[in-house]
């Protein structure tokens, strides 16, 4: 096996050590509300999940990729007619997610 030594261990800690997923779901619901009048009857959550899966190789996991997928979803479900105000709200939601303080879970202290 040679002389290679383990020098680093990485942890994927979101939702294990701090709150994370709840903010994604809250923002997902906000997107559905924003698009309700522009894309009636569309399952926005399902369409967003499709976009996220499609984009995972390009964007990876995280807020920025999530926001780009939300914008893509808005464009797709409105056939390219998503108002600029909706895109602005999506960007604002992304900013809020990025600026939200990290809340360490009680068992992680």
PDB file of N, CA and C in Angstrom:
ATOM      1  N   UNK A   1       0.823  -1.183   0.000  1.00  0.00           N
ATOM      2  CA  UNK A   1       0.000   0.000   0.000  1.00  0.00           C
ATOM      3  C   UNK A   1       0.866   1.244   0.000  1.00  0.00           C
ATOM      4  N   UNK A   2       2.127   1.150   0.262  1.00  0.00           N
ATOM      5  CA  UNK A   2       3.013   2.297   0.195  1.00  0.00           C
ATOM      6  C   UNK A   2       3.035   3.083   1.483  1.00  0.00           C
ATOM      7  N   UNK A   3       3.597   4.260   1.389  1.00  0.00           N
ATOM      8  CA  UNK A   3       3.750   5.090   2.584  1.00  0.00           C
ATOM      9  C   UNK A   3       2.728   6.212   2.667  1.00  0.00           C
ATOM     10  N   UNK A   4       1.669   6.154   1.855  1.00  0.00           N
ATOM     11  CA  UNK A   4       0.644   7.196   1.897  1.00  0.00           C
ATOM     12  C   UNK A   4      -0.028   7.208   3.259  1.00  0.00           C
ATOM     13  N   UNK A   5      -0.185   8.405   3.791  1.00  0.00           N
ATOM     14  CA  UNK A   5      -0.820   8.546   5.107  1.00  0.00           C
ATOM     15  C   UNK A   5      -2.052   9.427   4.988  1.00  0.00           C
ATOM     16  N   UNK A   6      -3.026   9.098   5.761  1.00  0.00           N
ATOM     17  CA  UNK A   6      -4.229   9.910   5.834  1.00  0.00           C
ATOM     18  C   UNK A   6      -3.889  11.192   6.575  1.00  0.00           C
ATOM     19  N   UNK A   7      -4.126  12.341   5.944  1.00  0.00           N
ATOM     20  CA  UNK A   7      -3.801  13.621   6.584  1.00  0.00           C
ATOM     21  C   UNK A   7      -5.016  14.509   6.783  1.00  0.00           C
ATOM     22  N   UNK A   8      -6.111  14.210   6.099  1.00  0.00           N
ATOM     23  CA  UNK A   8      -7.270  15.085   6.169  1.00  0.00           C
ATOM     24  C   UNK A   8      -8.547  14.260   6.161  1.00  0.00           C
ATOM     25  N   UNK A   9      -9.511  14.703   6.944  1.00  0.00           N
ATOM     26  CA  UNK A   9     -10.840  14.107   6.937  1.00  0.00           C
ATOM     27  C   UNK A   9     -11.829  15.235   6.694  1.00  0.00           C
ATOM     28  N   UNK A  10     -12.754  15.050   5.752  1.00  0.00           N
ATOM     29  CA  UNK A  10     -13.778  16.055   5.471  1.00  0.00           C
ATOM     30  C   UNK A  10     -15.132  15.589   5.971  1.00  0.00           C
ATOM     31  N   UNK A  11     -15.933  16.528   6.409  1.00  0.00           N
ATOM     32  CA  UNK A  11     -17.273  16.225   6.905  1.00  0.00           C
ATOM     33  C   UNK A  11     -18.300  17.021   6.121  1.00  0.00           C
ATOM     34  N   UNK A  12     -19.366  16.366   5.713  1.00  0.00           N
ATOM     35  CA  UNK A  12     -20.519  17.033   5.132  1.00  0.00           C
ATOM     36  C   UNK A  12     -21.494  17.205   6.287  1.00  0.00           C
ATOM     37  N   UNK A  13     -21.507  18.392   6.878  1.00  0.00           N
ATOM     38  CA  UNK A  13     -22.170  18.554   8.164  1.00  0.00           C
ATOM     39  C   UNK A  13     -23.525  19.247   8.116  1.00  0.00           C
ATOM     40  N   UNK A  14     -23.935  19.780   6.976  1.00  0.00           N
ATOM     41  CA  UNK A  14     -25.224  20.454   6.980  1.00  0.00           C
ATOM     42  C   UNK A  14     -26.312  19.468   7.379  1.00  0.00           C
ATOM     43  N   UNK A  15     -27.212  19.929   8.196  1.00  0.00           N
ATOM     44  CA  UNK A  15     -28.310  19.157   8.785  1.00  0.00           C
ATOM     45  C   UNK A  15     -27.846  18.091   9.768  1.00  0.00           C
ATOM     46  N   UNK A  16     -26.558  17.980   9.979  1.00  0.00           N
ATOM     47  CA  UNK A  16     -26.026  17.104  11.011  1.00  0.00           C
ATOM     48  C   UNK A  16     -25.574  17.948  12.192  1.00  0.00           C
ATOM     49  N   UNK A  17     -24.901  19.040  11.881  1.00  0.00           N
ATOM     50  CA  UNK A  17     -24.392  19.936  12.917  1.00  0.00           C
ATOM     51  C   UNK A  17     -25.129  21.270  12.961  1.00  0.00           C
ATOM     52  N   UNK A  18     -25.781  21.651  11.883  1.00  0.00           N
ATOM     53  CA  UNK A  18     -26.523  22.910  11.891  1.00  0.00           C
ATOM     54  C   UNK A  18     -27.770  22.795  11.017  1.00  0.00           C
ATOM     55  N   UNK A  19     -28.718  23.717  11.257  1.00  0.00           N
ATOM     56  CA  UNK A  19     -29.962  23.771  10.489  1.00  0.00           C
ATOM     57  C   UNK A  19     -29.638  24.171   9.053  1.00  0.00           C
ATOM     58  N   UNK A  20     -30.246  23.512   8.101  1.00  0.00           N
ATOM     59  CA  UNK A  20     -29.993  23.852   6.717  1.00  0.00           C
ATOM     60  C   UNK A  20     -31.205  23.550   5.841  1.00  0.00           C
ATOM     61  N   UNK A  21     -31.644  22.313   5.854  1.00  0.00           N
ATOM     62  CA  UNK A  21     -32.684  21.862   4.938  1.00  0.00           C
ATOM     63  C   UNK A  21     -33.977  22.652   5.084  1.00  0.00           C
ATOM     64  N   UNK A  22     -34.310  23.059   6.293  1.00  0.00           N
ATOM     65  CA  UNK A  22     -35.566  23.793   6.493  1.00  0.00           C
ATOM     66  C   UNK A  22     -35.589  25.092   5.696  1.00  0.00           C
ATOM     67  N   UNK A  23     -34.435  25.721   5.501  1.00  0.00           N
ATOM     68  CA  UNK A  23     -34.387  26.974   4.753  1.00  0.00           C
ATOM     69  C   UNK A  23     -34.570  26.733   3.253  1.00  0.00           C
ATOM     70  N   UNK A  24     -34.086  25.597   2.775  1.00  0.00           N
ATOM     71  CA  UNK A  24     -34.316  25.238   1.378  1.00  0.00           C
ATOM     72  C   UNK A  24     -35.801  24.980   1.145  1.00  0.00           C
ATOM     73  N   UNK A  25     -36.449  24.240   2.055  1.00  0.00           N
ATOM     74  CA  UNK A  25     -37.873  23.934   1.880  1.00  0.00           C
ATOM     75  C   UNK A  25     -38.725  25.202   1.992  1.00  0.00           C
ATOM     76  N   UNK A  26     -38.387  26.081   2.909  1.00  0.00           N
ATOM     77  CA  UNK A  26     -39.107  27.345   3.049  1.00  0.00           C
ATOM     78  C   UNK A  26     -39.002  28.164   1.764  1.00  0.00           C
ATOM     79  N   UNK A  27     -37.824  28.229   1.199  1.00  0.00           N
ATOM     80  CA  UNK A  27     -37.607  28.991  -0.029  1.00  0.00           C
ATOM     81  C   UNK A  27     -38.300  28.317  -1.208  1.00  0.00           C
ATOM     82  N   UNK A  28     -38.344  27.009  -1.211  1.00  0.00           N
ATOM     83  CA  UNK A  28     -39.064  26.268  -2.248  1.00  0.00           C
ATOM     84  C   UNK A  28     -40.548  26.620  -2.219  1.00  0.00           C
ATOM     85  N   UNK A  29     -41.129  26.690  -1.024  1.00  0.00           N
ATOM     86  CA  UNK A  29     -42.546  27.080  -0.897  1.00  0.00           C
ATOM     87  C   UNK A  29     -42.750  28.521  -1.360  1.00  0.00           C
ATOM     88  N   UNK A  30     -41.792  29.364  -1.039  1.00  0.00           N
ATOM     89  CA  UNK A  30     -41.863  30.763  -1.474  1.00  0.00           C
ATOM     90  C   UNK A  30     -41.862  30.836  -3.002  1.00  0.00           C
ATOM     91  N   UNK A  31     -41.045  30.022  -3.656  1.00  0.00           N
ATOM     92  CA  UNK A  31     -41.016  29.994  -5.119  1.00  0.00           C
ATOM     93  C   UNK A  31     -42.377  29.579  -5.667  1.00  0.00           C
ATOM     94  N   UNK A  32     -42.974  28.555  -5.081  1.00  0.00           N
ATOM     95  CA  UNK A  32     -44.287  28.096  -5.537  1.00  0.00           C
ATOM     96  C   UNK A  32     -45.325  29.210  -5.412  1.00  0.00           C
ATOM     97  N   UNK A  33     -45.267  29.963  -4.325  1.00  0.00           N
ATOM     98  CA  UNK A  33     -46.191  31.083  -4.142  1.00  0.00           C
ATOM     99  C   UNK A  33     -45.949  32.168  -5.186  1.00  0.00           C
ATOM    100  N   UNK A  34     -44.681  32.468  -5.458  1.00  0.00           N
ATOM    101  CA  UNK A  34     -44.339  33.489  -6.455  1.00  0.00           C
ATOM    102  C   UNK A  34     -44.852  33.124  -7.846  1.00  0.00           C
ATOM    103  N   UNK A  35     -44.818  31.833  -8.154  1.00  0.00           N
ATOM    104  CA  UNK A  35     -45.169  31.392  -9.503  1.00  0.00           C
ATOM    105  C   UNK A  35     -46.628  30.977  -9.650  1.00  0.00           C
ATOM    106  N   UNK A  36     -47.378  30.947  -8.559  1.00  0.00           N
ATOM    107  CA  UNK A  36     -48.758  30.443  -8.589  1.00  0.00           C
ATOM    108  C   UNK A  36     -49.613  31.130  -9.648  1.00  0.00           C
ATOM    109  N   UNK A  37     -49.543  32.438  -9.744  1.00  0.00           N
ATOM    110  CA  UNK A  37     -50.396  33.136 -10.716  1.00  0.00           C
ATOM    111  C   UNK A  37     -49.831  33.093 -12.129  1.00  0.00           C
ATOM    112  N   UNK A  38     -48.549  32.814 -12.260  1.00  0.00           N
ATOM    113  CA  UNK A  38     -47.907  32.794 -13.579  1.00  0.00           C
ATOM    114  C   UNK A  38     -47.876  31.393 -14.191  1.00  0.00           C
ATOM    115  N   UNK A  39     -48.047  30.370 -13.352  1.00  0.00           N
ATOM    116  CA  UNK A  39     -48.020  28.981 -13.819  1.00  0.00           C
ATOM    117  C   UNK A  39     -49.034  28.168 -13.022  1.00  0.00           C
ATOM    118  N   UNK A  40     -50.332  28.482 -13.182  1.00  0.00           N
ATOM    119  CA  UNK A  40     -51.352  27.782 -12.401  1.00  0.00           C
ATOM    120  C   UNK A  40     -51.370  26.287 -12.713  1.00  0.00           C
ATOM    121  N   UNK A  41     -51.550  25.509 -11.650  1.00  0.00           N
ATOM    122  CA  UNK A  41     -51.654  24.068 -11.803  1.00  0.00           C
ATOM    123  C   UNK A  41     -50.329  23.339 -11.953  1.00  0.00           C
ATOM    124  N   UNK A  42     -49.222  24.067 -11.940  1.00  0.00           N
ATOM    125  CA  UNK A  42     -47.909  23.438 -12.093  1.00  0.00           C
ATOM    126  C   UNK A  42     -47.379  23.030 -10.721  1.00  0.00           C
ATOM    127  N   UNK A  43     -46.845  21.831 -10.627  1.00  0.00           N
ATOM    128  CA  UNK A  43     -46.196  21.371  -9.396  1.00  0.00           C
ATOM    129  C   UNK A  43     -44.778  21.941  -9.397  1.00  0.00           C
ATOM    130  N   UNK A  44     -44.642  23.136  -8.859  1.00  0.00           N
ATOM    131  CA  UNK A  44     -43.368  23.854  -8.894  1.00  0.00           C
ATOM    132  C   UNK A  44     -42.282  23.088  -8.148  1.00  0.00           C
ATOM    133  N   UNK A  45     -42.625  22.482  -7.019  1.00  0.00           N
ATOM    134  CA  UNK A  45     -41.624  21.732  -6.249  1.00  0.00           C
ATOM    135  C   UNK A  45     -41.051  20.584  -7.080  1.00  0.00           C
ATOM    136  N   UNK A  46     -41.908  19.880  -7.797  1.00  0.00           N
ATOM    137  CA  UNK A  46     -41.440  18.766  -8.634  1.00  0.00           C
ATOM    138  C   UNK A  46     -40.570  19.271  -9.775  1.00  0.00           C
ATOM    139  N   UNK A  47     -40.980  20.371 -10.380  1.00  0.00           N
ATOM    140  CA  UNK A  47     -40.191  20.932 -11.489  1.00  0.00           C
ATOM    141  C   UNK A  47     -38.850  21.453 -10.999  1.00  0.00           C
ATOM    142  N   UNK A  48     -38.835  22.043  -9.806  1.00  0.00           N
ATOM    143  CA  UNK A  48     -37.574  22.511  -9.229  1.00  0.00           C
ATOM    144  C   UNK A  48     -36.651  21.327  -8.956  1.00  0.00           C
ATOM    145  N   UNK A  49     -37.191  20.259  -8.407  1.00  0.00           N
ATOM    146  CA  UNK A  49     -36.378  19.073  -8.136  1.00  0.00           C
ATOM    147  C   UNK A  49     -35.778  18.515  -9.428  1.00  0.00           C
ATOM    148  N   UNK A  50     -36.565  18.505 -10.497  1.00  0.00           N
ATOM    149  CA  UNK A  50     -36.048  18.060 -11.797  1.00  0.00           C
ATOM    150  C   UNK A  50     -34.880  18.936 -12.236  1.00  0.00           C
ATOM    151  N   UNK A  51     -35.036  20.246 -12.096  1.00  0.00           N
ATOM    152  CA  UNK A  51     -33.967  21.173 -12.491  1.00  0.00           C
ATOM    153  C   UNK A  51     -32.731  20.972 -11.629  1.00  0.00           C
ATOM    154  N   UNK A  52     -32.924  20.802 -10.328  1.00  0.00           N
ATOM    155  CA  UNK A  52     -31.782  20.585  -9.432  1.00  0.00           C
ATOM    156  C   UNK A  52     -31.019  19.321  -9.819  1.00  0.00           C
ATOM    157  N   UNK A  53     -31.747  18.253 -10.094  1.00  0.00           N
ATOM    158  CA  UNK A  53     -31.092  16.992 -10.474  1.00  0.00           C
ATOM    159  C   UNK A  53     -30.345  17.142 -11.795  1.00  0.00           C
ATOM    160  N   UNK A  54     -30.978  17.829 -12.726  1.00  0.00           N
ATOM    161  CA  UNK A  54     -30.363  18.052 -14.034  1.00  0.00           C
ATOM    162  C   UNK A  54     -29.091  18.892 -13.916  1.00  0.00           C
ATOM    163  N   UNK A  55     -29.088  19.826 -12.984  1.00  0.00           N
ATOM    164  CA  UNK A  55     -27.981  20.772 -12.846  1.00  0.00           C
ATOM    165  C   UNK A  55     -26.915  20.355 -11.845  1.00  0.00           C
ATOM    166  N   UNK A  56     -27.143  19.284 -11.142  1.00  0.00           N
ATOM    167  CA  UNK A  56     -26.234  18.891 -10.066  1.00  0.00           C
ATOM    168  C   UNK A  56     -24.790  18.753 -10.538  1.00  0.00           C
ATOM    169  N   UNK A  57     -24.581  18.173 -11.696  1.00  0.00           N
ATOM    170  CA  UNK A  57     -23.229  18.015 -12.216  1.00  0.00           C
ATOM    171  C   UNK A  57     -22.548  19.334 -12.528  1.00  0.00           C
ATOM    172  N   UNK A  58     -23.336  20.346 -12.877  1.00  0.00           N
ATOM    173  CA  UNK A  58     -22.780  21.664 -13.194  1.00  0.00           C
ATOM    174  C   UNK A  58     -22.598  22.532 -11.959  1.00  0.00           C
ATOM    175  N   UNK A  59     -23.611  22.560 -11.106  1.00  0.00           N
ATOM    176  CA  UNK A  59     -23.622  23.494  -9.982  1.00  0.00           C
ATOM    177  C   UNK A  59     -23.220  22.867  -8.659  1.00  0.00           C
ATOM    178  N   UNK A  60     -23.338  21.556  -8.551  1.00  0.00           N
ATOM    179  CA  UNK A  60     -23.086  20.913  -7.273  1.00  0.00           C
ATOM    180  C   UNK A  60     -24.219  21.211  -6.298  1.00  0.00           C
ATOM    181  N   UNK A  61     -23.959  20.918  -5.035  1.00  0.00           N
ATOM    182  CA  UNK A  61     -24.935  21.186  -3.986  1.00  0.00           C
ATOM    183  C   UNK A  61     -24.722  22.598  -3.461  1.00  0.00           C
ATOM    184  N   UNK A  62     -25.735  23.179  -2.875  1.00  0.00           N
ATOM    185  CA  UNK A  62     -25.567  24.465  -2.220  1.00  0.00           C
ATOM    186  C   UNK A  62     -26.572  25.500  -2.668  1.00  0.00           C
ATOM    187  N   UNK A  63     -26.518  26.622  -2.000  1.00  0.00           N
ATOM    188  CA  UNK A  63     -27.494  27.690  -2.206  1.00  0.00           C
ATOM    189  C   UNK A  63     -27.406  28.285  -3.599  1.00  0.00           C
ATOM    190  N   UNK A  64     -26.211  28.555  -4.079  1.00  0.00           N
ATOM    191  CA  UNK A  64     -26.079  29.212  -5.384  1.00  0.00           C
ATOM    192  C   UNK A  64     -26.656  28.354  -6.505  1.00  0.00           C
ATOM    193  N   UNK A  65     -26.368  27.059  -6.485  1.00  0.00           N
ATOM    194  CA  UNK A  65     -26.945  26.165  -7.477  1.00  0.00           C
ATOM    195  C   UNK A  65     -28.450  26.061  -7.336  1.00  0.00           C
ATOM    196  N   UNK A  66     -28.928  26.083  -6.101  1.00  0.00           N
ATOM    197  CA  UNK A  66     -30.362  26.048  -5.822  1.00  0.00           C
ATOM    198  C   UNK A  66     -31.050  27.276  -6.420  1.00  0.00           C
ATOM    199  N   UNK A  67     -30.448  28.446  -6.238  1.00  0.00           N
ATOM    200  CA  UNK A  67     -31.023  29.685  -6.770  1.00  0.00           C
ATOM    201  C   UNK A  67     -31.042  29.656  -8.298  1.00  0.00           C
ATOM    202  N   UNK A  68     -29.958  29.213  -8.905  1.00  0.00           N
ATOM    203  CA  UNK A  68     -29.934  29.114 -10.365  1.00  0.00           C
ATOM    204  C   UNK A  68     -31.002  28.144 -10.859  1.00  0.00           C
ATOM    205  N   UNK A  69     -31.204  27.059 -10.155  1.00  0.00           N
ATOM    206  CA  UNK A  69     -32.247  26.100 -10.529  1.00  0.00           C
ATOM    207  C   UNK A  69     -33.637  26.695 -10.330  1.00  0.00           C
ATOM    208  N   UNK A  70     -33.819  27.536  -9.314  1.00  0.00           N
ATOM    209  CA  UNK A  70     -35.113  28.204  -9.126  1.00  0.00           C
ATOM    210  C   UNK A  70     -35.392  29.151 -10.289  1.00  0.00           C
ATOM    211  N   UNK A  71     -34.385  29.905 -10.709  1.00  0.00           N
ATOM    212  CA  UNK A  71     -34.568  30.821 -11.838  1.00  0.00           C
ATOM    213  C   UNK A  71     -34.900  30.023 -13.097  1.00  0.00           C
ATOM    214  N   UNK A  72     -34.169  28.946 -13.330  1.00  0.00           N
ATOM    215  CA  UNK A  72     -34.430  28.094 -14.491  1.00  0.00           C
ATOM    216  C   UNK A  72     -35.850  27.541 -14.448  1.00  0.00           C
ATOM    217  N   UNK A  73     -36.287  27.114 -13.279  1.00  0.00           N
ATOM    218  CA  UNK A  73     -37.643  26.588 -13.119  1.00  0.00           C
ATOM    219  C   UNK A  73     -38.673  27.664 -13.433  1.00  0.00           C
ATOM    220  N   UNK A  74     -38.453  28.871 -12.934  1.00  0.00           N
ATOM    221  CA  UNK A  74     -39.381  29.977 -13.197  1.00  0.00           C
ATOM    222  C   UNK A  74     -39.496  30.244 -14.692  1.00  0.00           C
ATOM    223  N   UNK A  75     -38.382  30.230 -15.382  1.00  0.00           N
ATOM    224  CA  UNK A  75     -38.392  30.455 -16.831  1.00  0.00           C
ATOM    225  C   UNK A  75     -39.131  29.317 -17.534  1.00  0.00           C
ATOM    226  N   UNK A  76     -38.853  28.090 -17.128  1.00  0.00           N
ATOM    227  CA  UNK A  76     -39.471  26.927 -17.779  1.00  0.00           C
ATOM    228  C   UNK A  76     -40.978  26.873 -17.575  1.00  0.00           C
ATOM    229  N   UNK A  77     -41.442  27.049 -16.338  1.00  0.00           N
ATOM    230  CA  UNK A  77     -42.880  26.877 -16.071  1.00  0.00           C
ATOM    231  C   UNK A  77     -43.717  28.039 -16.585  1.00  0.00           C
ATOM    232  N   UNK A  78     -43.072  29.156 -16.916  1.00  0.00           N
ATOM    233  CA  UNK A  78     -43.800  30.299 -17.484  1.00  0.00           C
ATOM    234  C   UNK A  78     -43.548  30.430 -18.983  1.00  0.00           C
ATOM    235  N   UNK A  79     -42.937  29.423 -19.574  1.00  0.00           N
ATOM    236  CA  UNK A  79     -42.594  29.459 -21.001  1.00  0.00           C
ATOM    237  C   UNK A  79     -41.812  30.717 -21.361  1.00  0.00           C
ATOM    238  N   UNK A  80     -40.879  31.065 -20.501  1.00  0.00           N
ATOM    239  CA  UNK A  80     -40.012  32.209 -20.757  1.00  0.00           C
ATOM    240  C   UNK A  80     -40.613  33.555 -20.414  1.00  0.00           C
ATOM    241  N   UNK A  81     -41.762  33.550 -19.753  1.00  0.00           N
ATOM    242  CA  UNK A  81     -42.434  34.813 -19.440  1.00  0.00           C
ATOM    243  C   UNK A  81     -42.385  35.166 -17.956  1.00  0.00           C
ATOM    244  N   UNK A  82     -41.427  34.620 -17.246  1.00  0.00           N
ATOM    245  CA  UNK A  82     -41.308  34.961 -15.820  1.00  0.00           C
ATOM    246  C   UNK A  82     -41.000  36.448 -15.702  1.00  0.00           C
ATOM    247  N   UNK A  83     -41.817  37.187 -14.979  1.00  0.00           N
ATOM    248  CA  UNK A  83     -41.565  38.620 -14.830  1.00  0.00           C
ATOM    249  C   UNK A  83     -40.243  38.890 -14.107  1.00  0.00           C
ATOM    250  N   UNK A  84     -39.639  40.003 -14.449  1.00  0.00           N
ATOM    251  CA  UNK A  84     -38.405  40.402 -13.775  1.00  0.00           C
ATOM    252  C   UNK A  84     -38.583  40.498 -12.274  1.00  0.00           C
ATOM    253  N   UNK A  85     -39.779  40.876 -11.836  1.00  0.00           N
ATOM    254  CA  UNK A  85     -40.032  40.985 -10.397  1.00  0.00           C
ATOM    255  C   UNK A  85     -39.942  39.617  -9.716  1.00  0.00           C
ATOM    256  N   UNK A  86     -40.344  38.562 -10.415  1.00  0.00           N
ATOM    257  CA  UNK A  86     -40.241  37.210  -9.858  1.00  0.00           C
ATOM    258  C   UNK A  86     -38.775  36.805  -9.759  1.00  0.00           C
ATOM    259  N   UNK A  87     -38.010  37.073 -10.801  1.00  0.00           N
ATOM    260  CA  UNK A  87     -36.580  36.757 -10.774  1.00  0.00           C
ATOM    261  C   UNK A  87     -35.898  37.541  -9.655  1.00  0.00           C
ATOM    262  N   UNK A  88     -36.281  38.798  -9.482  1.00  0.00           N
ATOM    263  CA  UNK A  88     -35.712  39.614  -8.401  1.00  0.00           C
ATOM    264  C   UNK A  88     -36.042  39.011  -7.036  1.00  0.00           C
ATOM    265  N   UNK A  89     -37.258  38.511  -6.862  1.00  0.00           N
ATOM    266  CA  UNK A  89     -37.652  37.872  -5.600  1.00  0.00           C
ATOM    267  C   UNK A  89     -36.866  36.584  -5.360  1.00  0.00           C
ATOM    268  N   UNK A  90     -36.626  35.837  -6.425  1.00  0.00           N
ATOM    269  CA  UNK A  90     -35.828  34.612  -6.294  1.00  0.00           C
ATOM    270  C   UNK A  90     -34.414  34.966  -5.847  1.00  0.00           C
ATOM    271  N   UNK A  91     -33.829  35.976  -6.474  1.00  0.00           N
ATOM    272  CA  UNK A  91     -32.482  36.408  -6.085  1.00  0.00           C
ATOM    273  C   UNK A  91     -32.459  36.900  -4.641  1.00  0.00           C
ATOM    274  N   UNK A  92     -33.491  37.637  -4.243  1.00  0.00           N
ATOM    275  CA  UNK A  92     -33.568  38.125  -2.860  1.00  0.00           C
ATOM    276  C   UNK A  92     -33.654  36.953  -1.882  1.00  0.00           C
ATOM    277  N   UNK A  93     -34.415  35.930  -2.249  1.00  0.00           N
ATOM    278  CA  UNK A  93     -34.517  34.739  -1.394  1.00  0.00           C
ATOM    279  C   UNK A  93     -33.155  34.067  -1.261  1.00  0.00           C
ATOM    280  N   UNK A  94     -32.413  34.011  -2.349  1.00  0.00           N
ATOM    281  CA  UNK A  94     -31.068  33.445  -2.303  1.00  0.00           C
ATOM    282  C   UNK A  94     -30.146  34.246  -1.413  1.00  0.00           C
ATOM    283  N   UNK A  95     -30.236  35.571  -1.509  1.00  0.00           N
ATOM    284  CA  UNK A  95     -29.422  36.431  -0.633  1.00  0.00           C
ATOM    285  C   UNK A  95     -29.763  36.172   0.830  1.00  0.00           C
ATOM    286  N   UNK A  96     -31.050  36.052   1.124  1.00  0.00           N
ATOM    287  CA  UNK A  96     -31.469  35.781   2.504  1.00  0.00           C
ATOM    288  C   UNK A  96     -30.889  34.462   3.001  1.00  0.00           C
ATOM    289  N   UNK A  97     -30.907  33.457   2.151  1.00  0.00           N
ATOM    290  CA  UNK A  97     -30.354  32.158   2.551  1.00  0.00           C
ATOM    291  C   UNK A  97     -28.858  32.273   2.834  1.00  0.00           C
ATOM    292  N   UNK A  98     -28.149  32.981   1.970  1.00  0.00           N
ATOM    293  CA  UNK A  98     -26.700  33.128   2.141  1.00  0.00           C
ATOM    294  C   UNK A  98     -26.345  33.950   3.376  1.00  0.00           C
ATOM    295  N   UNK A  99     -27.199  34.915   3.708  1.00  0.00           N
ATOM    296  CA  UNK A  99     -26.920  35.804   4.836  1.00  0.00           C
ATOM    297  C   UNK A  99     -27.432  35.260   6.165  1.00  0.00           C
ATOM    298  N   UNK A 100     -28.228  34.202   6.119  1.00  0.00           N
ATOM    299  CA  UNK A 100     -28.821  33.674   7.345  1.00  0.00           C
ATOM    300  C   UNK A 100     -27.721  33.124   8.252  1.00  0.00           C
ATOM    301  N   UNK A 101     -27.763  33.469   9.533  1.00  0.00           N
ATOM    302  CA  UNK A 101     -26.735  32.949  10.442  1.00  0.00           C
ATOM    303  C   UNK A 101     -26.849  31.433  10.599  1.00  0.00           C
ATOM    304  N   UNK A 102     -25.725  30.809  10.815  1.00  0.00           N
ATOM    305  CA  UNK A 102     -25.697  29.360  11.040  1.00  0.00           C
ATOM    306  C   UNK A 102     -26.208  29.084  12.447  1.00  0.00           C
ATOM    307  N   UNK A 103     -27.175  28.176  12.551  1.00  0.00           N
ATOM    308  CA  UNK A 103     -27.745  27.790  13.839  1.00  0.00           C
ATOM    309  C   UNK A 103     -27.275  26.376  14.164  1.00  0.00           C
ATOM    310  N   UNK A 104     -26.293  26.283  15.052  1.00  0.00           N
ATOM    311  CA  UNK A 104     -25.745  24.989  15.445  1.00  0.00           C
ATOM    312  C   UNK A 104     -26.820  24.188  16.178  1.00  0.00           C
ATOM    313  N   UNK A 105     -26.972  22.926  15.825  1.00  0.00           N
ATOM    314  CA  UNK A 105     -27.931  22.060  16.506  1.00  0.00           C
ATOM    315  C   UNK A 105     -27.448  21.763  17.920  1.00  0.00           C
ATOM    316  N   UNK A 106     -28.377  21.593  18.876  1.00  0.00           N
ATOM    317  CA  UNK A 106     -27.995  21.418  20.286  1.00  0.00           C
ATOM    318  C   UNK A 106     -27.009  20.270  20.531  1.00  0.00           C
ATOM    319  N   UNK A 107     -27.170  19.148  19.850  1.00  0.00           N
ATOM    320  CA  UNK A 107     -26.288  18.003  20.086  1.00  0.00           C
ATOM    321  C   UNK A 107     -24.886  18.201  19.516  1.00  0.00           C
ATOM    322  N   UNK A 108     -24.695  19.267  18.742  1.00  0.00           N
ATOM    323  CA  UNK A 108     -23.391  19.497  18.098  1.00  0.00           C
ATOM    324  C   UNK A 108     -22.479  20.385  18.938  1.00  0.00           C
ATOM    325  N   UNK A 109     -22.944  20.822  20.070  1.00  0.00           N
ATOM    326  CA  UNK A 109     -22.130  21.729  20.901  1.00  0.00           C
ATOM    327  C   UNK A 109     -21.153  20.988  21.753  1.00  0.00           C
TER     328      UNK A 109
END
